[in-house]
All heavy atoms as atom14 arrays in JSON, in Angstrom:
{
  "sequence": "LVGRSSMVVNAAFVLAIIVAGAVGMTHGTLQIRYEVKDLIPRLV",
  "atom14_mask": [
    [1, 1, 1, 1, 1, 1, 1, 1, 0, 0, 0, 0, 0, 0],
    [1, 1, 1, 1, 1, 1, 1, 0, 0, 0, 0, 0, 0, 0],
    [1, 1, 1, 1, 0, 0, 0, 0, 0, 0, 0, 0, 0, 0],
    [1, 1, 1, 1, 1, 1, 1, 1, 1, 1, 1, 0, 0, 0],
    [1, 1, 1, 1, 1, 1, 0, 0, 0, 0, 0, 0, 0, 0],
    [1, 1, 1, 1, 1, 1, 0, 0, 0, 0, 0, 0, 0, 0],
    [1, 1, 1, 1, 1, 1, 1, 1, 0, 0, 0, 0, 0, 0],
    [1, 1, 1, 1, 1, 1, 1, 0, 0, 0, 0, 0, 0, 0],
    [1, 1, 1, 1, 1, 1, 1, 0, 0, 0, 0, 0, 0, 0],
    [1, 1, 1, 1, 1, 1, 1, 1, 0, 0, 0, 0, 0, 0],
    [1, 1, 1, 1, 1, 0, 0, 0, 0, 0, 0, 0, 0, 0],
    [1, 1, 1, 1, 1, 0, 0, 0, 0, 0, 0, 0, 0, 0],
    [1, 1, 1, 1, 1, 1, 1, 1, 1, 1, 1, 0, 0, 0],
    [1, 1, 1, 1, 1, 1, 1, 0, 0, 0, 0, 0, 0, 0],
    [1, 1, 1, 1, 1, 1, 1, 1, 0, 0, 0, 0, 0, 0],
    [1, 1, 1, 1, 1, 0, 0, 0, 0, 0, 0, 0, 0, 0],
    [1, 1, 1, 1, 1, 1, 1, 1, 0, 0, 0, 0, 0, 0],
    [1, 1, 1, 1, 1, 1, 1, 1, 0, 0, 0, 0, 0, 0],
    [1, 1, 1, 1, 1, 1, 1, 0, 0, 0, 0, 0, 0, 0],
    [1, 1, 1, 1, 1, 0, 0, 0, 0, 0, 0, 0, 0, 0],
    [1, 1, 1, 1, 0, 0, 0, 0, 0, 0, 0, 0, 0, 0],
    [1, 1, 1, 1, 1, 0, 0, 0, 0, 0, 0, 0, 0, 0],
    [1, 1, 1, 1, 1, 1, 1, 0, 0, 0, 0, 0, 0, 0],
    [1, 1, 1, 1, 0, 0, 0, 0, 0, 0, 0, 0, 0, 0],
    [1, 1, 1, 1, 1, 1, 1, 1, 0, 0, 0, 0, 0, 0],
    [1, 1, 1, 1, 1, 1, 1, 0, 0, 0, 0, 0, 0, 0],
    [1, 1, 1, 1, 1, 1, 1, 1, 1, 1, 0, 0, 0, 0],
    [1, 1, 1, 1, 0, 0, 0, 0, 0, 0, 0, 0, 0, 0],
    [1, 1, 1, 1, 1, 1, 1, 0, 0, 0, 0, 0, 0, 0],
    [1, 1, 1, 1, 1, 1, 1, 1, 0, 0, 0, 0, 0, 0],
    [1, 1, 1, 1, 1, 1, 1, 1, 1, 0, 0, 0, 0, 0],
    [1, 1, 1, 1, 1, 1, 1, 1, 0, 0, 0, 0, 0, 0],
    [1, 1, 1, 1, 1, 1, 1, 1, 1, 1, 1, 0, 0, 0],
    [1, 1, 1, 1, 1, 1, 1, 1, 1, 1, 1, 1, 0, 0],
    [1, 1, 1, 1, 1, 1, 1, 1, 1, 0, 0, 0, 0, 0],
    [1, 1, 1, 1, 1, 1, 1, 0, 0, 0, 0, 0, 0, 0],
    [1, 1, 1, 1, 1, 1, 1, 1, 1, 0, 0, 0, 0, 0],
    [1, 1, 1, 1, 1, 1, 1, 1, 0, 0, 0, 0, 0, 0],
    [1, 1, 1, 1, 1, 1, 1, 1, 0, 0, 0, 0, 0, 0],
    [1, 1, 1, 1, 1, 1, 1, 1, 0, 0, 0, 0, 0, 0],
    [1, 1, 1, 1, 1, 1, 1, 0, 0, 0, 0, 0, 0, 0],
    [1, 1, 1, 1, 1, 1, 1, 1, 1, 1, 1, 0, 0, 0],
    [1, 1, 1, 1, 1, 1, 1, 1, 0, 0, 0, 0, 0, 0],
    [1, 1, 1, 1, 1, 1, 1, 0, 0, 0, 0, 0, 0, 0]
  ],
  "atom14_positions": [
    [[74.43, 73.45, 129.3], [75.85, 73.13, 129.41], [76.24, 72.79, 130.84], [77.0, 71.84, 131.08], [76.68, 74.29, 128.89], [78.19, 74.1, 128.86], [78.56, 72.99, 127.89], [78.88, 75.39, 128.49], [0.0, 0.0, 0.0], [0.0, 0.0, 0.0], [0.0, 0.0, 0.0], [0.0, 0.0, 0.0], [0.0, 0.0, 0.0], [0.0, 0.0, 0.0]],
    [[75.7, 73.53, 131.8], [76.0, 73.27, 133.21], [75.45, 71.91, 133.62], [76.12, 71.16, 134.34], [75.42, 74.4, 134.09], [75.39, 74.01, 135.55], [76.21, 75.66, 133.89], [0.0, 0.0, 0.0], [0.0, 0.0, 0.0], [0.0, 0.0, 0.0], [0.0, 0.0, 0.0], [0.0, 0.0, 0.0], [0.0, 0.0, 0.0], [0.0, 0.0, 0.0]],
    [[74.26, 71.59, 133.17], [73.67, 70.29, 133.52], [74.5, 69.12, 133.01], [74.78, 68.17, 133.74], [0.0, 0.0, 0.0], [0.0, 0.0, 0.0], [0.0, 0.0, 0.0], [0.0, 0.0, 0.0], [0.0, 0.0, 0.0], [0.0, 0.0, 0.0], [0.0, 0.0, 0.0], [0.0, 0.0, 0.0], [0.0, 0.0, 0.0], [0.0, 0.0, 0.0]],
    [[74.9, 69.22, 131.75], [75.71, 68.13, 131.18], [77.09, 68.06, 131.83], [77.6, 66.98, 132.12], [75.86, 68.34, 129.68], [74.59, 68.08, 128.93], [74.78, 68.27, 127.45], [73.53, 68.05, 126.74], [73.36, 68.29, 125.47], [74.36, 68.77, 124.75], [72.2, 68.06, 124.9], [0.0, 0.0, 0.0], [0.0, 0.0, 0.0], [0.0, 0.0, 0.0]],
    [[77.69, 69.22, 132.05], [79.03, 69.24, 132.65], [79.0, 68.71, 134.08], [79.9, 67.97, 134.48], [79.58, 70.66, 132.64], [79.72, 71.12, 131.33], [0.0, 0.0, 0.0], [0.0, 0.0, 0.0], [0.0, 0.0, 0.0], [0.0, 0.0, 0.0], [0.0, 0.0, 0.0], [0.0, 0.0, 0.0], [0.0, 0.0, 0.0], [0.0, 0.0, 0.0]],
    [[77.98, 69.1, 134.84], [77.93, 68.62, 136.22], [77.69, 67.12, 136.28], [78.2, 66.45, 137.19], [76.86, 69.37, 137.01], [75.57, 69.07, 136.52], [0.0, 0.0, 0.0], [0.0, 0.0, 0.0], [0.0, 0.0, 0.0], [0.0, 0.0, 0.0], [0.0, 0.0, 0.0], [0.0, 0.0, 0.0], [0.0, 0.0, 0.0], [0.0, 0.0, 0.0]],
    [[76.96, 66.57, 135.31], [76.77, 65.12, 135.28], [78.1, 64.41, 135.03], [78.43, 63.42, 135.71], [75.76, 64.74, 134.19], [75.42, 63.27, 134.15], [74.11, 62.87, 132.99], [74.76, 63.47, 131.46], [0.0, 0.0, 0.0], [0.0, 0.0, 0.0], [0.0, 0.0, 0.0], [0.0, 0.0, 0.0], [0.0, 0.0, 0.0], [0.0, 0.0, 0.0]],
    [[78.9, 64.92, 134.11], [80.2, 64.33, 133.81], [81.15, 64.47, 135.0], [81.84, 63.52, 135.4], [80.81, 64.96, 132.54], [82.25, 64.56, 132.35], [79.99, 64.61, 131.33], [0.0, 0.0, 0.0], [0.0, 0.0, 0.0], [0.0, 0.0, 0.0], [0.0, 0.0, 0.0], [0.0, 0.0, 0.0], [0.0, 0.0, 0.0], [0.0, 0.0, 0.0]],
    [[81.16, 65.67, 135.61], [82.06, 65.92, 136.75], [81.66, 65.05, 137.94], [82.53, 64.48, 138.62], [82.05, 67.42, 137.11], [82.73, 67.68, 138.43], [82.73, 68.21, 136.01], [0.0, 0.0, 0.0], [0.0, 0.0, 0.0], [0.0, 0.0, 0.0], [0.0, 0.0, 0.0], [0.0, 0.0, 0.0], [0.0, 0.0, 0.0], [0.0, 0.0, 0.0]],
    [[80.37, 64.94, 138.22], [79.95, 64.1, 139.34], [80.29, 62.63, 139.12], [80.68, 61.93, 140.06], [78.45, 64.28, 139.58], [78.11, 65.64, 140.15], [78.97, 66.3, 140.74], [76.88, 66.06, 139.98], [0.0, 0.0, 0.0], [0.0, 0.0, 0.0], [0.0, 0.0, 0.0], [0.0, 0.0, 0.0], [0.0, 0.0, 0.0], [0.0, 0.0, 0.0]],
    [[80.17, 62.16, 137.89], [80.56, 60.78, 137.59], [82.06, 60.6, 137.78], [82.52, 59.58, 138.33], [80.16, 60.41, 136.16], [0.0, 0.0, 0.0], [0.0, 0.0, 0.0], [0.0, 0.0, 0.0], [0.0, 0.0, 0.0], [0.0, 0.0, 0.0], [0.0, 0.0, 0.0], [0.0, 0.0, 0.0], [0.0, 0.0, 0.0], [0.0, 0.0, 0.0]],
    [[82.84, 61.6, 137.38], [84.29, 61.51, 137.57], [84.66, 61.54, 139.04], [85.59, 60.85, 139.48], [84.99, 62.66, 136.83], [0.0, 0.0, 0.0], [0.0, 0.0, 0.0], [0.0, 0.0, 0.0], [0.0, 0.0, 0.0], [0.0, 0.0, 0.0], [0.0, 0.0, 0.0], [0.0, 0.0, 0.0], [0.0, 0.0, 0.0], [0.0, 0.0, 0.0]],
    [[83.92, 62.32, 139.84], [84.19, 62.34, 141.28], [83.86, 61.01, 141.93], [84.58, 60.56, 142.82], [83.41, 63.47, 141.96], [84.1, 64.79, 141.89], [83.5, 65.86, 141.26], [85.36, 64.97, 142.44], [84.13, 67.08, 141.19], [86.0, 66.18, 142.38], [85.39, 67.24, 141.74], [0.0, 0.0, 0.0], [0.0, 0.0, 0.0], [0.0, 0.0, 0.0]],
    [[82.79, 60.38, 141.5], [82.45, 59.05, 142.05], [83.57, 58.08, 141.72], [84.01, 57.3, 142.59], [81.09, 58.56, 141.5], [80.87, 57.1, 141.8], [79.96, 59.41, 142.05], [0.0, 0.0, 0.0], [0.0, 0.0, 0.0], [0.0, 0.0, 0.0], [0.0, 0.0, 0.0], [0.0, 0.0, 0.0], [0.0, 0.0, 0.0], [0.0, 0.0, 0.0]],
    [[84.07, 58.1, 140.49], [85.17, 57.21, 140.12], [86.44, 57.53, 140.91], [87.15, 56.62, 141.34], [85.45, 57.31, 138.62], [84.39, 56.7, 137.7], [84.74, 56.97, 136.25], [84.28, 55.21, 137.95], [0.0, 0.0, 0.0], [0.0, 0.0, 0.0], [0.0, 0.0, 0.0], [0.0, 0.0, 0.0], [0.0, 0.0, 0.0], [0.0, 0.0, 0.0]],
    [[86.73, 58.81, 141.12], [87.92, 59.19, 141.87], [87.82, 58.74, 143.32], [88.81, 58.28, 143.91], [88.12, 60.7, 141.8], [0.0, 0.0, 0.0], [0.0, 0.0, 0.0], [0.0, 0.0, 0.0], [0.0, 0.0, 0.0], [0.0, 0.0, 0.0], [0.0, 0.0, 0.0], [0.0, 0.0, 0.0], [0.0, 0.0, 0.0], [0.0, 0.0, 0.0]],
    [[86.65, 58.84, 143.91], [86.48, 58.4, 145.3], [86.61, 56.88, 145.39], [87.22, 56.35, 146.33], [85.13, 58.9, 145.84], [85.18, 60.41, 146.03], [84.77, 58.21, 147.15], [83.86, 61.06, 146.35], [0.0, 0.0, 0.0], [0.0, 0.0, 0.0], [0.0, 0.0, 0.0], [0.0, 0.0, 0.0], [0.0, 0.0, 0.0], [0.0, 0.0, 0.0]],
    [[86.07, 56.17, 144.43], [86.2, 54.69, 144.43], [87.66, 54.29, 144.28], [88.15, 53.39, 144.98], [85.32, 54.08, 143.32], [83.85, 54.22, 143.68], [85.68, 52.61, 143.08], [82.9, 53.82, 142.58], [0.0, 0.0, 0.0], [0.0, 0.0, 0.0], [0.0, 0.0, 0.0], [0.0, 0.0, 0.0], [0.0, 0.0, 0.0], [0.0, 0.0, 0.0]],
    [[88.38, 54.94, 143.37], [89.8, 54.63, 143.17], [90.6, 54.96, 144.42], [91.47, 54.19, 144.85], [90.35, 55.37, 141.93], [91.86, 55.32, 141.88], [89.76, 54.79, 140.67], [0.0, 0.0, 0.0], [0.0, 0.0, 0.0], [0.0, 0.0, 0.0], [0.0, 0.0, 0.0], [0.0, 0.0, 0.0], [0.0, 0.0, 0.0], [0.0, 0.0, 0.0]],
    [[90.31, 56.13, 145.05], [91.03, 56.49, 146.27], [90.76, 55.49, 147.39], [91.67, 55.11, 148.13], [90.63, 57.9, 146.72], [0.0, 0.0, 0.0], [0.0, 0.0, 0.0], [0.0, 0.0, 0.0], [0.0, 0.0, 0.0], [0.0, 0.0, 0.0], [0.0, 0.0, 0.0], [0.0, 0.0, 0.0], [0.0, 0.0, 0.0], [0.0, 0.0, 0.0]],
    [[89.52, 55.04, 147.5], [89.2, 54.02, 148.51], [89.87, 52.7, 148.22], [90.37, 52.03, 149.14], [0.0, 0.0, 0.0], [0.0, 0.0, 0.0], [0.0, 0.0, 0.0], [0.0, 0.0, 0.0], [0.0, 0.0, 0.0], [0.0, 0.0, 0.0], [0.0, 0.0, 0.0], [0.0, 0.0, 0.0], [0.0, 0.0, 0.0], [0.0, 0.0, 0.0]],
    [[89.91, 52.29, 146.95], [90.55, 51.02, 146.59], [92.05, 51.09, 146.85], [92.64, 50.12, 147.37], [90.28, 50.7, 145.13], [0.0, 0.0, 0.0], [0.0, 0.0, 0.0], [0.0, 0.0, 0.0], [0.0, 0.0, 0.0], [0.0, 0.0, 0.0], [0.0, 0.0, 0.0], [0.0, 0.0, 0.0], [0.0, 0.0, 0.0], [0.0, 0.0, 0.0]],
    [[92.67, 52.21, 146.52], [94.11, 52.35, 146.77], [94.38, 52.34, 148.27], [95.34, 51.72, 148.74], [94.65, 53.65, 146.11], [96.03, 53.99, 146.61], [94.66, 53.5, 144.6], [0.0, 0.0, 0.0], [0.0, 0.0, 0.0], [0.0, 0.0, 0.0], [0.0, 0.0, 0.0], [0.0, 0.0, 0.0], [0.0, 0.0, 0.0], [0.0, 0.0, 0.0]],
    [[93.53, 53.01, 149.04], [93.73, 53.04, 150.49], [93.55, 51.68, 151.14], [94.22, 51.37, 152.13], [0.0, 0.0, 0.0], [0.0, 0.0, 0.0], [0.0, 0.0, 0.0], [0.0, 0.0, 0.0], [0.0, 0.0, 0.0], [0.0, 0.0, 0.0], [0.0, 0.0, 0.0], [0.0, 0.0, 0.0], [0.0, 0.0, 0.0], [0.0, 0.0, 0.0]],
    [[92.66, 50.86, 150.6], [92.43, 49.54, 151.2], [93.44, 48.5, 150.75], [93.78, 47.6, 151.5], [91.02, 49.06, 150.82], [89.93, 49.78, 151.56], [88.3, 49.08, 151.3], [88.01, 49.41, 149.59], [0.0, 0.0, 0.0], [0.0, 0.0, 0.0], [0.0, 0.0, 0.0], [0.0, 0.0, 0.0], [0.0, 0.0, 0.0], [0.0, 0.0, 0.0]],
    [[93.95, 48.6, 149.53], [94.83, 47.55, 149.03], [96.28, 47.77, 149.36], [97.03, 46.81, 149.51], [94.69, 47.43, 147.5], [94.98, 48.68, 146.9], [93.3, 46.98, 147.13], [0.0, 0.0, 0.0], [0.0, 0.0, 0.0], [0.0, 0.0, 0.0], [0.0, 0.0, 0.0], [0.0, 0.0, 0.0], [0.0, 0.0, 0.0], [0.0, 0.0, 0.0]],
    [[96.72, 49.0, 149.47], [98.12, 49.27, 149.79], [98.23, 49.57, 151.27], [97.56, 50.45, 151.79], [98.65, 50.45, 148.97], [98.81, 50.13, 147.52], [97.76, 49.75, 146.72], [99.91, 50.11, 146.73], [98.19, 49.53, 145.5], [99.5, 49.74, 145.47], [0.0, 0.0, 0.0], [0.0, 0.0, 0.0], [0.0, 0.0, 0.0], [0.0, 0.0, 0.0]],
    [[99.09, 48.84, 151.94], [99.18, 48.94, 153.38], [100.21, 49.9, 153.91], [100.34, 50.05, 155.12], [0.0, 0.0, 0.0], [0.0, 0.0, 0.0], [0.0, 0.0, 0.0], [0.0, 0.0, 0.0], [0.0, 0.0, 0.0], [0.0, 0.0, 0.0], [0.0, 0.0, 0.0], [0.0, 0.0, 0.0], [0.0, 0.0, 0.0], [0.0, 0.0, 0.0]],
    [[100.98, 50.55, 153.06], [102.01, 51.43, 153.58], [101.41, 52.71, 154.13], [100.35, 53.16, 153.71], [103.04, 51.78, 152.5], [102.39, 52.55, 151.49], [103.66, 50.54, 151.89], [0.0, 0.0, 0.0], [0.0, 0.0, 0.0], [0.0, 0.0, 0.0], [0.0, 0.0, 0.0], [0.0, 0.0, 0.0], [0.0, 0.0, 0.0], [0.0, 0.0, 0.0]],
    [[102.1, 53.28, 155.07], [101.64, 54.52, 155.7], [101.65, 55.68, 154.71], [100.78, 56.54, 154.75], [102.53, 54.83, 156.91], [102.18, 56.07, 157.72], [100.8, 55.92, 158.34], [103.22, 56.33, 158.78], [0.0, 0.0, 0.0], [0.0, 0.0, 0.0], [0.0, 0.0, 0.0], [0.0, 0.0, 0.0], [0.0, 0.0, 0.0], [0.0, 0.0, 0.0]],
    [[102.62, 55.67, 153.81], [102.74, 56.77, 152.86], [101.54, 56.82, 151.91], [101.01, 57.89, 151.63], [104.03, 56.64, 152.07], [104.3, 57.82, 151.17], [105.65, 57.71, 150.48], [106.33, 56.7, 150.6], [106.01, 58.73, 149.75], [0.0, 0.0, 0.0], [0.0, 0.0, 0.0], [0.0, 0.0, 0.0], [0.0, 0.0, 0.0], [0.0, 0.0, 0.0]],
    [[101.07, 55.7, 151.41], [99.92, 55.66, 150.51], [98.67, 56.13, 151.24], [97.87, 56.9, 150.72], [99.72, 54.24, 149.94], [100.89, 53.83, 149.06], [98.42, 54.16, 149.17], [101.03, 54.66, 147.81], [0.0, 0.0, 0.0], [0.0, 0.0, 0.0], [0.0, 0.0, 0.0], [0.0, 0.0, 0.0], [0.0, 0.0, 0.0], [0.0, 0.0, 0.0]],
    [[98.46, 55.68, 152.48], [97.27, 56.11, 153.23], [97.31, 57.6, 153.5], [96.29, 58.27, 153.48], [97.2, 55.34, 154.55], [96.81, 53.9, 154.35], [96.62, 53.23, 155.66], [96.37, 51.8, 155.46], [96.51, 50.89, 156.37], [96.91, 51.21, 157.58], [96.25, 49.64, 156.1], [0.0, 0.0, 0.0], [0.0, 0.0, 0.0], [0.0, 0.0, 0.0]],
    [[98.48, 58.15, 153.75], [98.61, 59.58, 154.0], [98.29, 60.37, 152.72], [97.64, 61.4, 152.77], [100.03, 59.9, 154.5], [100.23, 61.35, 154.83], [99.62, 61.91, 155.95], [101.01, 62.16, 154.02], [99.8, 63.24, 156.25], [101.19, 63.49, 154.31], [100.59, 64.03, 155.44], [100.75, 65.34, 155.73], [0.0, 0.0, 0.0], [0.0, 0.0, 0.0]],
    [[98.71, 59.87, 151.56], [98.41, 60.54, 150.3], [96.93, 60.51, 149.98], [96.39, 61.46, 149.44], [99.23, 59.92, 149.18], [100.71, 60.24, 149.27], [101.54, 59.53, 148.23], [100.95, 58.84, 147.37], [102.76, 59.65, 148.28], [0.0, 0.0, 0.0], [0.0, 0.0, 0.0], [0.0, 0.0, 0.0], [0.0, 0.0, 0.0], [0.0, 0.0, 0.0]],
    [[96.25, 59.43, 150.32], [94.81, 59.35, 150.11], [94.1, 60.35, 151.02], [93.14, 61.01, 150.61], [94.29, 57.91, 150.35], [92.79, 57.85, 150.36], [94.85, 56.98, 149.28], [0.0, 0.0, 0.0], [0.0, 0.0, 0.0], [0.0, 0.0, 0.0], [0.0, 0.0, 0.0], [0.0, 0.0, 0.0], [0.0, 0.0, 0.0], [0.0, 0.0, 0.0]],
    [[94.59, 60.51, 152.25], [94.01, 61.5, 153.16], [94.19, 62.92, 152.63], [93.36, 63.78, 152.86], [94.61, 61.39, 154.55], [94.17, 60.18, 155.31], [94.82, 60.17, 156.68], [94.48, 58.91, 157.44], [95.13, 58.87, 158.75], [0.0, 0.0, 0.0], [0.0, 0.0, 0.0], [0.0, 0.0, 0.0], [0.0, 0.0, 0.0], [0.0, 0.0, 0.0]],
    [[95.28, 63.17, 151.92], [95.49, 64.49, 151.31], [94.56, 64.71, 150.12], [94.19, 65.84, 149.82], [96.93, 64.63, 150.83], [97.88, 64.93, 151.97], [97.41, 65.32, 153.04], [99.11, 64.76, 151.76], [0.0, 0.0, 0.0], [0.0, 0.0, 0.0], [0.0, 0.0, 0.0], [0.0, 0.0, 0.0], [0.0, 0.0, 0.0], [0.0, 0.0, 0.0]],
    [[94.19, 63.64, 149.46], [93.36, 63.76, 148.27], [91.9, 64.05, 148.6], [91.22, 64.75, 147.85], [93.47, 62.46, 147.45], [92.77, 62.42, 146.11], [93.41, 63.44, 145.18], [92.86, 61.03, 145.52], [0.0, 0.0, 0.0], [0.0, 0.0, 0.0], [0.0, 0.0, 0.0], [0.0, 0.0, 0.0], [0.0, 0.0, 0.0], [0.0, 0.0, 0.0]],
    [[91.41, 63.55, 149.71], [89.98, 63.69, 150.04], [89.54, 65.14, 150.2], [88.52, 65.53, 149.63], [89.64, 62.83, 151.28], [89.73, 61.36, 150.88], [88.26, 63.15, 151.83], [89.56, 60.39, 152.0], [0.0, 0.0, 0.0], [0.0, 0.0, 0.0], [0.0, 0.0, 0.0], [0.0, 0.0, 0.0], [0.0, 0.0, 0.0], [0.0, 0.0, 0.0]],
    [[90.26, 66.01, 150.94], [89.8, 67.41, 151.01], [89.79, 68.11, 149.65], [88.93, 68.93, 149.37], [90.79, 68.08, 151.95], [91.41, 66.98, 152.72], [91.38, 65.78, 151.84], [0.0, 0.0, 0.0], [0.0, 0.0, 0.0], [0.0, 0.0, 0.0], [0.0, 0.0, 0.0], [0.0, 0.0, 0.0], [0.0, 0.0, 0.0], [0.0, 0.0, 0.0]],
    [[90.74, 67.76, 148.81], [90.76, 68.35, 147.47], [89.56, 67.9, 146.66], [88.98, 68.68, 145.89], [92.06, 67.98, 146.76], [93.27, 68.61, 147.41], [94.54, 68.21, 146.73], [95.67, 68.79, 147.45], [96.79, 68.18, 147.66], [96.98, 66.96, 147.2], [97.76, 68.78, 148.33], [0.0, 0.0, 0.0], [0.0, 0.0, 0.0], [0.0, 0.0, 0.0]],
    [[89.18, 66.64, 146.8], [88.0, 66.14, 146.1], [86.74, 66.84, 146.61], [85.85, 67.18, 145.82], [87.87, 64.62, 146.29], [88.84, 63.75, 145.5], [88.7, 62.29, 145.92], [88.6, 63.91, 144.02], [0.0, 0.0, 0.0], [0.0, 0.0, 0.0], [0.0, 0.0, 0.0], [0.0, 0.0, 0.0], [0.0, 0.0, 0.0], [0.0, 0.0, 0.0]],
    [[86.64, 67.06, 147.91], [85.47, 67.73, 148.48], [85.38, 69.17, 147.97], [84.31, 69.62, 147.56], [85.5, 67.67, 150.02], [84.43, 68.56, 150.62], [85.33, 66.24, 150.5], [0.0, 0.0, 0.0], [0.0, 0.0, 0.0], [0.0, 0.0, 0.0], [0.0, 0.0, 0.0], [0.0, 0.0, 0.0], [0.0, 0.0, 0.0], [0.0, 0.0, 0.0]]
  ]
}
């Protein structure tokens, strides 16, 4: 169960990091970049 769950969770983390990077690169406002910076420690 741990093996299967960790595979799903790690795939979800990869997707979350890609989405956070895409949002940070495409939106130029300071507020969006600040929110992405808040999300990274939580992801780690």
